Amino acid sequence: MILSIKNNFNETRHSVSTNFKKMVGGEIKNCNIQNKLSKNVEHQNPKIGEDLVKNSYELKEILEAENPRIINPSKYESLEELCIAVKNHWIQRLYRKESTINKRISRIKYLSNHKVFPIDFLNFNHEQAILFLDYRYSNEGATATAIKNDWKVICTFAKAFGLDYEKWNYIPPPEPKPKVKIIPFPKTVHKLIHHKYSSDTYVCALYQYIMMFSFIIGIRMVSEITSMKVNDIFLDEGYFIIHEPKKYNQSRQIFPEKEILTMKKRKSLKNWIDIWRPKVCNQYSGDYLFLQPSGKPFISEHLRQKLSKIGKQVWQYYKPNVSRSWCAIARLIKSKIDTGHYDVYEIKEWLGHDNIKTTESYIKYARNYYRNAPFDWIKAVLKSDILKKIFVWEGLTV
């Protein structure tokens, strides 16, 4: 049999004999492939033209409405709506931290209601903003730091509005360089760790453990301590993981002294996890390490305010971030005693500094404090935690 194949134009392209075994007989059959073997399918090509352009334009409009690259403040009816839009722009367009924009938005009400030079963010004028800053600095006695913080708020909104604030020819006043850094001596740290903060045993233990952990480890207060979870603690391996919200949740690994990690007679993480945390843990706790008496995890700002208040019961200069400075200086002193020099690279990794100069800035303070208390501060505080006594630091040998 001969197979004759025809194309769409009814032209015979080639014929194939099916009598390949040379059998007797055979017929010729014409097979139109288009008609016999398949349907006459019309190819559907995408329309390149007005419809596609229209669809693309509509999609662009939707995306721009949901997540605009530039915010037009005049489109918003209230300052609250504008703040929400700027916050979304900050997080979704600039990929910045939510905690930062929350702090800056919290200043908007003051800036927009200033008695002399209020800033109308719905009808923004940068000249009015600069007059506000100049008046605050010259007439209200605002510090350079306060002006710098308000300037950051203004720049955040200006950037969202698509404005180039670098062309405004304004520079905030320089901040004075710190000449002193007041930190507590180990005796005071001991008091902060052992003070009776509440008649409630859990509440008292909670703040004592937080004080212990913050001073010995130097964790960033309060963003890092509120983000710590039980699964970040590896007791058998001898280390734990700290997540750094300030650095987009990067992580660093800490191998601390065993006293703070596993020892049963100390305020160790093991004791906290095994004994104290279960007292309040409930369905709201998640895996968070430090819990409120209600069992819920802490909100960072709430913990900051609480620590600032109770810490001043013991030491009038207490602020939550003083524990990080104390740890930097104490560990530099420890490295001086152990190695004969200030090991800035080890302390840099311990504290999670990006720039070695940040760590080096603590050396001058470490030298001053070392001259007055030339012993291992870390070891002294950990040792006093066992002995339950206040040391007389002069002449102490540890």
Protein backbone atom coordinates (compact mmCIF):
# COMPACT_ATOMS: atom_id res chain seq x y z
CA MET A 1 0.00 0.00 0.00
CA ILE A 2 1.29 3.45 -0.86
CA LEU A 3 0.61 6.26 1.64
CA SER A 4 0.32 9.64 0.01
CA ILE A 5 0.47 12.65 2.37
CA LYS A 6 -1.05 16.00 1.42
CA ASN A 7 -0.49 19.34 3.07
CA ASN A 8 -2.95 22.17 3.78
CA PHE A 9 -2.72 23.34 0.20
CA ASN A 10 -3.75 19.87 -1.14
CA GLU A 11 -0.28 19.28 -2.52
CA THR A 12 1.31 15.85 -2.31
CA ARG A 13 4.59 16.23 -0.44
CA HIS A 14 5.78 12.63 -0.52
CA SER A 15 4.52 9.05 -0.78
CA VAL A 16 5.55 6.09 1.31
CA SER A 17 5.11 2.49 0.28
CA THR A 18 3.66 0.28 2.96
CA ASN A 19 4.52 -2.83 0.92
CA PHE A 20 7.95 -3.03 2.59
CA LYS A 21 7.80 -6.85 2.74
CA LYS A 22 7.15 -6.94 -1.06
CA MET A 23 3.82 -8.57 -0.52
CA VAL A 24 1.47 -9.00 -3.47
CA GLY A 25 -1.09 -6.34 -3.98
CA GLY A 26 -1.24 -2.96 -2.48
CA GLU A 27 -3.37 0.08 -2.94
CA ILE A 28 -2.72 3.78 -2.91
CA LYS A 29 -4.55 5.70 -0.20
CA ASN A 30 -4.45 9.44 -0.02
CA CYS A 31 -4.47 10.80 3.51
CA ASN A 32 -5.01 14.45 4.11
CA ILE A 33 -3.26 14.91 7.46
CA GLN A 34 -5.11 18.14 8.19
CA ASN A 35 -8.56 16.57 7.68
CA LYS A 36 -8.05 12.97 8.78
CA LEU A 37 -5.65 13.12 11.72
CA SER A 38 -6.31 16.44 13.40
CA LYS A 39 -8.77 19.23 13.73
CA ASN A 40 -8.39 22.41 11.83
CA VAL A 41 -7.08 24.47 14.74
CA GLU A 42 -6.81 28.22 14.40
CA HIS A 43 -3.72 29.57 16.15
CA GLN A 44 -4.56 32.09 18.86
CA ASN A 45 -1.79 34.67 18.96
CA PRO A 46 -1.71 37.32 21.71
CA LYS A 47 -3.01 40.60 20.49
CA ILE A 48 -0.32 43.19 20.43
CA GLY A 49 -2.13 46.47 20.37
CA GLU A 50 -4.64 48.55 22.20
CA ASP A 51 -5.96 45.74 24.44
CA LEU A 52 -2.52 44.76 25.67
CA VAL A 53 -1.53 48.35 26.29
CA LYS A 54 -4.78 48.93 28.14
CA ASN A 55 -4.30 45.86 30.33
CA SER A 56 -0.71 46.83 31.11
CA TYR A 57 -1.79 50.33 32.01
CA GLU A 58 -4.53 49.04 34.32
CA LEU A 59 -2.11 46.64 36.02
CA LYS A 60 0.38 49.46 36.48
CA GLU A 61 -2.34 51.63 38.01
CA ILE A 62 -3.24 48.88 40.49
CA LEU A 63 0.38 48.28 41.51
CA GLU A 64 1.08 51.98 41.86
CA ALA A 65 -2.03 52.46 43.97
CA GLU A 66 -1.09 49.62 46.30
CA ASN A 67 2.61 50.38 46.54
CA PRO A 68 3.49 53.77 45.02
CA ARG A 69 7.10 54.69 44.37
CA ILE A 70 6.32 58.34 45.09
CA ILE A 71 3.59 59.47 47.47
CA ASN A 72 1.49 62.51 46.63
CA PRO A 73 0.46 63.91 50.04
CA SER A 74 -2.37 66.00 48.57
CA LYS A 75 -4.28 62.79 47.74
CA TYR A 76 -4.77 61.95 51.40
CA GLU A 77 -7.58 63.37 53.51
CA SER A 78 -5.94 62.99 56.91
CA LEU A 79 -2.49 62.91 58.45
CA GLU A 80 -3.18 59.41 59.77
CA GLU A 81 -3.78 58.09 56.24
CA LEU A 82 -0.62 59.78 55.02
CA CYS A 83 1.43 58.23 57.84
CA ILE A 84 0.16 54.77 56.90
CA ALA A 85 1.20 55.34 53.29
CA VAL A 86 4.66 56.60 54.30
CA LYS A 87 5.08 53.62 56.61
CA ASN A 88 4.24 51.19 53.79
CA HIS A 89 6.64 53.04 51.49
CA TRP A 90 9.40 52.79 54.09
CA ILE A 91 8.93 49.05 54.59
CA GLN A 92 7.91 47.84 51.12
CA ARG A 93 9.83 50.23 48.87
CA LEU A 94 12.91 51.06 50.93
CA TYR A 95 13.06 47.71 52.77
CA ARG A 96 13.72 49.39 56.10
CA LYS A 97 12.78 48.37 59.63
CA GLU A 98 9.27 48.87 60.94
CA SER A 99 10.51 49.83 64.40
CA THR A 100 12.40 52.82 62.96
CA ILE A 101 9.46 54.24 61.04
CA ASN A 102 7.19 53.76 64.05
CA LYS A 103 9.50 55.94 66.15
CA ARG A 104 9.61 58.64 63.49
CA ILE A 105 5.87 58.66 62.94
CA SER A 106 5.37 59.08 66.68
CA ARG A 107 6.95 62.56 66.32
CA ILE A 108 4.63 63.68 63.53
CA LYS A 109 1.89 64.93 65.84
CA TYR A 110 4.32 67.25 67.61
CA LEU A 111 5.83 68.54 64.37
CA SER A 112 2.45 69.22 62.79
CA ASN A 113 1.03 70.94 65.89
CA HIS A 114 3.97 73.18 66.77
CA LYS A 115 2.75 76.50 68.16
CA VAL A 116 5.01 78.73 66.05
CA PHE A 117 6.07 76.80 62.94
CA PRO A 118 3.76 73.79 62.45
CA ILE A 119 4.65 71.58 59.50
CA ASP A 120 1.72 70.78 57.19
CA PHE A 121 2.69 67.38 55.80
CA LEU A 122 -0.45 67.21 53.63
CA ASN A 123 0.72 70.39 51.88
CA PHE A 124 4.43 70.02 52.48
CA ASN A 125 6.80 72.99 52.24
CA HIS A 126 10.44 72.39 53.10
CA GLU A 127 11.02 76.05 54.01
CA GLN A 128 8.48 75.71 56.81
CA ALA A 129 10.23 72.55 57.99
CA ILE A 130 13.61 74.31 58.16
CA LEU A 131 12.08 77.26 60.05
CA PHE A 132 10.71 74.76 62.55
CA LEU A 133 14.16 73.21 63.09
CA ASP A 134 15.91 76.57 63.39
CA TYR A 135 13.36 77.86 65.88
CA ARG A 136 13.56 74.70 67.99
CA TYR A 137 17.34 74.96 68.20
CA SER A 138 17.65 78.73 68.68
CA ASN A 139 14.59 79.59 70.77
CA GLU A 140 13.47 76.44 72.54
CA GLY A 141 16.88 75.14 73.54
CA ALA A 142 16.49 71.79 71.80
CA THR A 143 19.68 69.75 71.77
CA ALA A 144 21.60 68.91 68.62
CA THR A 145 20.51 65.30 69.05
CA ALA A 146 16.83 66.30 69.21
CA ILE A 147 17.18 68.43 66.08
CA LYS A 148 18.93 65.59 64.28
CA ASN A 149 16.10 63.21 65.16
CA ASP A 150 13.43 65.64 63.93
CA TRP A 151 15.47 66.19 60.76
CA LYS A 152 15.40 62.42 60.15
CA VAL A 153 11.60 62.48 60.42
CA ILE A 154 11.35 65.29 57.87
CA CYS A 155 13.78 63.56 55.49
CA THR A 156 11.82 60.31 55.73
CA PHE A 157 8.63 62.00 54.56
CA ALA A 158 10.46 64.07 51.94
CA LYS A 159 11.99 60.94 50.44
CA ALA A 160 8.56 59.32 50.26
CA PHE A 161 7.29 62.46 48.47
CA GLY A 162 10.08 62.17 45.90
CA LEU A 163 11.87 65.30 47.13
CA ASP A 164 15.64 65.72 47.20
CA TYR A 165 16.33 67.13 50.66
CA GLU A 166 20.05 67.41 49.92
CA LYS A 167 19.24 70.42 47.73
CA TRP A 168 17.61 72.32 50.59
CA ASN A 169 20.98 73.63 51.78
CA TYR A 170 20.31 72.64 55.38
CA ILE A 171 22.69 70.89 57.78
CA PRO A 172 21.57 70.04 61.33
CA PRO A 173 23.81 71.30 64.16
CA PRO A 174 26.66 68.92 65.05
CA GLU A 175 26.27 66.71 68.08
CA PRO A 176 28.93 67.17 70.77
CA LYS A 177 31.27 64.24 71.10
CA PRO A 178 30.87 62.43 74.42
CA LYS A 179 33.77 63.01 76.79
CA VAL A 180 32.56 60.77 79.58
CA LYS A 181 30.63 57.53 79.76
CA ILE A 182 29.03 56.82 83.09
CA ILE A 183 28.64 53.13 83.74
CA PRO A 184 28.08 51.29 87.03
CA PHE A 185 30.95 49.58 88.83
CA PRO A 186 30.57 45.82 89.42
CA LYS A 187 29.24 46.42 92.93
CA THR A 188 26.30 48.37 91.47
CA VAL A 189 25.73 45.76 88.77
CA HIS A 190 25.51 43.16 91.53
CA LYS A 191 22.79 45.26 93.19
CA LEU A 192 20.90 45.59 89.90
CA ILE A 193 20.97 41.81 89.46
CA HIS A 194 19.83 40.99 93.01
CA HIS A 195 17.45 43.83 93.84
CA LYS A 196 13.95 42.82 94.93
CA TYR A 197 11.90 44.41 92.18
CA SER A 198 8.55 42.98 93.25
CA SER A 199 6.87 40.92 95.95
CA ASP A 200 5.73 38.62 93.15
CA THR A 201 8.43 35.96 92.88
CA TYR A 202 8.11 35.54 89.11
CA VAL A 203 8.21 39.28 88.38
CA CYS A 204 11.21 39.69 90.67
CA ALA A 205 13.06 36.79 89.01
CA LEU A 206 12.13 38.05 85.55
CA TYR A 207 13.84 41.41 85.94
CA GLN A 208 16.79 39.95 87.84
CA TYR A 209 17.44 37.47 85.01
CA ILE A 210 17.06 40.19 82.37
CA MET A 211 19.55 42.38 84.25
CA MET A 212 21.98 39.48 84.55
CA PHE A 213 21.69 38.52 80.91
CA SER A 214 21.91 42.08 79.59
CA PHE A 215 25.04 43.07 81.56
CA ILE A 216 27.04 39.87 81.10
CA ILE A 217 26.17 39.34 77.43
CA GLY A 218 25.83 42.96 76.29
CA ILE A 219 22.78 42.20 74.20
CA ARG A 220 21.20 45.15 72.40
CA MET A 221 18.48 46.44 74.64
CA VAL A 222 15.72 45.91 74.07
CA SER A 223 15.26 44.76 70.49
CA GLU A 224 17.45 41.66 70.73
CA ILE A 225 16.31 40.41 74.11
CA THR A 226 12.62 40.60 73.16
CA SER A 227 13.26 38.59 69.99
CA MET A 228 15.13 35.73 71.68
CA LYS A 229 13.45 32.32 71.69
CA VAL A 230 13.97 29.07 73.56
CA ASN A 231 15.03 27.35 70.35
CA ASP A 232 17.91 29.82 70.10
CA ILE A 233 19.49 28.31 73.24
CA PHE A 234 21.74 25.26 72.77
CA LEU A 235 22.62 24.27 76.32
CA ASP A 236 24.41 21.00 75.52
CA GLU A 237 26.51 22.62 72.82
CA GLY A 238 27.36 25.59 75.04
CA TYR A 239 26.12 28.49 72.94
CA PHE A 240 23.07 30.49 71.91
CA ILE A 241 22.01 32.53 68.89
CA ILE A 242 21.14 36.22 69.02
CA HIS A 243 19.02 37.70 66.24
CA GLU A 244 19.75 41.33 65.39
CA PRO A 245 16.65 43.30 64.33
CA LYS A 246 18.88 46.36 63.90
CA LYS A 247 20.71 44.50 61.12
CA TYR A 248 17.69 42.96 59.37
CA ASN A 249 17.65 39.92 61.65
CA GLN A 250 21.19 38.78 61.02
CA SER A 251 22.39 36.32 63.65
CA ARG A 252 25.47 36.01 65.79
CA GLN A 253 26.64 33.08 67.88
CA ILE A 254 27.71 33.54 71.51
CA PHE A 255 29.67 31.03 73.61
CA PRO A 256 29.21 32.49 77.12
CA GLU A 257 30.64 31.50 80.48
CA LYS A 258 29.05 28.32 81.82
CA GLU A 259 27.82 30.25 84.88
CA ILE A 260 25.25 32.08 82.79
CA LEU A 261 24.40 29.14 80.57
CA THR A 262 23.94 25.97 82.62
CA MET A 263 24.99 26.25 86.27
CA LYS A 264 22.12 25.39 88.63
CA LYS A 265 23.26 27.72 91.44
CA ARG A 266 23.38 30.79 89.21
CA LYS A 267 20.89 32.86 87.29
CA SER A 268 21.56 30.69 84.27
CA LEU A 269 19.52 30.29 81.11
CA LYS A 270 18.95 26.64 82.01
CA ASN A 271 17.34 27.63 85.31
CA TRP A 272 15.21 30.21 83.56
CA ILE A 273 13.98 27.72 80.95
CA ASP A 274 13.46 24.82 83.37
CA ILE A 275 12.12 26.60 86.46
CA TRP A 276 10.83 30.11 85.87
CA ARG A 277 9.49 30.31 82.33
CA PRO A 278 7.06 27.36 82.77
CA LYS A 279 5.32 29.24 85.60
CA VAL A 280 3.60 31.62 83.16
CA CYS A 281 3.94 29.88 79.77
CA ASN A 282 0.59 29.53 77.99
CA GLN A 283 -1.00 29.51 74.53
CA TYR A 284 0.08 33.12 73.94
CA SER A 285 3.76 32.57 74.72
CA GLY A 286 5.01 31.07 71.51
CA ASP A 287 8.68 30.17 71.80
CA TYR A 288 9.81 33.51 73.25
CA LEU A 289 12.38 33.29 76.03
CA PHE A 290 11.33 36.10 78.37
CA LEU A 291 7.61 36.40 79.09
CA GLN A 292 5.41 38.90 80.86
CA PRO A 293 3.46 37.66 83.91
CA SER A 294 0.49 37.21 81.55
CA GLY A 295 2.52 34.71 79.53
CA LYS A 296 2.66 36.99 76.51
CA PRO A 297 5.98 38.06 74.97
CA PHE A 298 7.22 41.59 75.55
CA ILE A 299 6.70 44.50 73.21
CA SER A 300 10.10 46.19 72.97
CA GLU A 301 9.00 49.69 73.96
CA HIS A 302 7.02 48.39 76.92
CA LEU A 303 10.05 46.52 78.26
CA ARG A 304 12.26 49.58 77.73
CA GLN A 305 9.95 51.78 79.77
CA LYS A 306 9.61 49.19 82.52
CA LEU A 307 13.36 48.63 82.85
CA SER A 308 14.09 52.37 82.83
CA LYS A 309 11.73 52.82 85.74
CA ILE A 310 12.77 49.90 87.95
CA GLY A 311 16.50 50.27 87.21
CA LYS A 312 16.51 53.77 88.66
CA GLN A 313 15.39 52.28 91.97
CA VAL A 314 18.94 50.94 92.27
CA TRP A 315 21.07 53.34 90.21
CA GLN A 316 19.90 56.83 89.25
CA TYR A 317 21.74 56.83 85.92
CA TYR A 318 20.30 53.52 84.73
CA LYS A 319 19.09 53.20 81.15
CA PRO A 320 18.58 49.86 79.38
CA ASN A 321 21.40 50.45 76.90
CA VAL A 322 23.97 51.09 79.66
CA SER A 323 24.32 47.32 80.06
CA ARG A 324 25.76 47.02 76.56
CA SER A 325 28.35 49.74 77.21
CA TRP A 326 29.19 48.09 80.53
CA CYS A 327 29.71 44.74 78.85
CA ALA A 328 31.97 46.25 76.18
CA ILE A 329 34.18 47.91 78.80
CA ALA A 330 34.13 44.93 81.17
CA ARG A 331 35.13 42.48 78.44
CA LEU A 332 37.88 44.77 77.20
CA ILE A 333 39.23 44.84 80.77
CA LYS A 334 38.94 41.04 80.90
CA SER A 335 40.90 40.70 77.65
CA LYS A 336 43.57 43.04 79.03
CA ILE A 337 43.95 40.83 82.11
CA ASP A 338 43.89 37.57 80.13
CA THR A 339 46.13 38.55 77.19
CA GLY A 340 47.95 41.73 78.20
CA HIS A 341 46.21 43.86 75.57
CA TYR A 342 42.72 45.03 74.63
CA ASP A 343 41.41 42.45 72.16
CA VAL A 344 39.06 44.63 70.14
CA TYR A 345 38.44 42.00 67.46
CA GLU A 346 37.10 39.46 69.93
CA ILE A 347 34.84 42.06 71.55
CA LYS A 348 33.69 43.27 68.12
CA GLU A 349 32.43 39.79 67.26
CA TRP A 350 30.91 39.32 70.71
CA LEU A 351 28.87 42.54 70.51
CA GLY A 352 28.09 42.29 66.80
CA HIS A 353 29.66 45.59 65.76
CA ASP A 354 29.93 46.13 62.01
CA ASN A 355 32.79 48.60 62.30
CA ILE A 356 35.91 47.95 64.39
CA LYS A 357 36.04 51.68 65.19
CA THR A 358 32.86 51.29 67.23
CA THR A 359 34.62 48.77 69.45
CA GLU A 360 37.81 50.83 69.59
CA SER A 361 35.84 53.82 70.90
CA TYR A 362 35.39 51.93 74.20
CA ILE A 363 39.12 51.48 74.84
CA LYS A 364 39.65 54.94 76.38
CA TYR A 365 36.84 54.25 78.85
CA ALA A 366 38.19 50.78 79.61
CA ARG A 367 41.60 52.28 80.44
CA ASN A 368 40.06 54.79 82.84
CA TYR A 369 37.93 52.24 84.65
CA TYR A 370 40.72 49.66 84.72
CA ARG A 371 42.96 52.10 86.60
CA ASN A 372 40.31 52.41 89.30
CA ALA A 373 39.18 48.77 89.41
CA PRO A 374 41.99 46.58 88.01
CA PHE A 375 40.31 43.17 88.13
CA ASP A 376 38.10 40.97 85.97
CA TRP A 377 34.67 42.60 86.20
CA ILE A 378 32.84 39.73 84.50
CA LYS A 379 34.31 37.12 86.81
CA ALA A 380 33.69 39.32 89.86
CA VAL A 381 30.00 39.75 89.11
CA LEU A 382 29.55 36.05 88.37
CA LYS A 383 31.43 35.10 91.54
CA SER A 384 29.43 37.49 93.68
CA ASP A 385 26.30 35.84 92.33
CA ILE A 386 27.30 32.70 94.25
CA LEU A 387 28.63 34.32 97.41
CA LYS A 388 25.64 36.66 97.74
CA LYS A 389 27.69 39.52 99.08
CA ILE A 390 28.79 42.96 98.07
CA PHE A 391 32.50 43.17 97.41
CA VAL A 392 34.74 45.92 98.65
CA TRP A 393 36.44 46.45 95.33
CA GLU A 394 39.61 48.09 96.61
CA GLY A 395 42.28 45.42 96.94
CA LEU A 396 39.99 42.67 95.62
CA THR A 397 41.71 39.64 94.13
CA VAL A 398 39.53 37.48 91.94
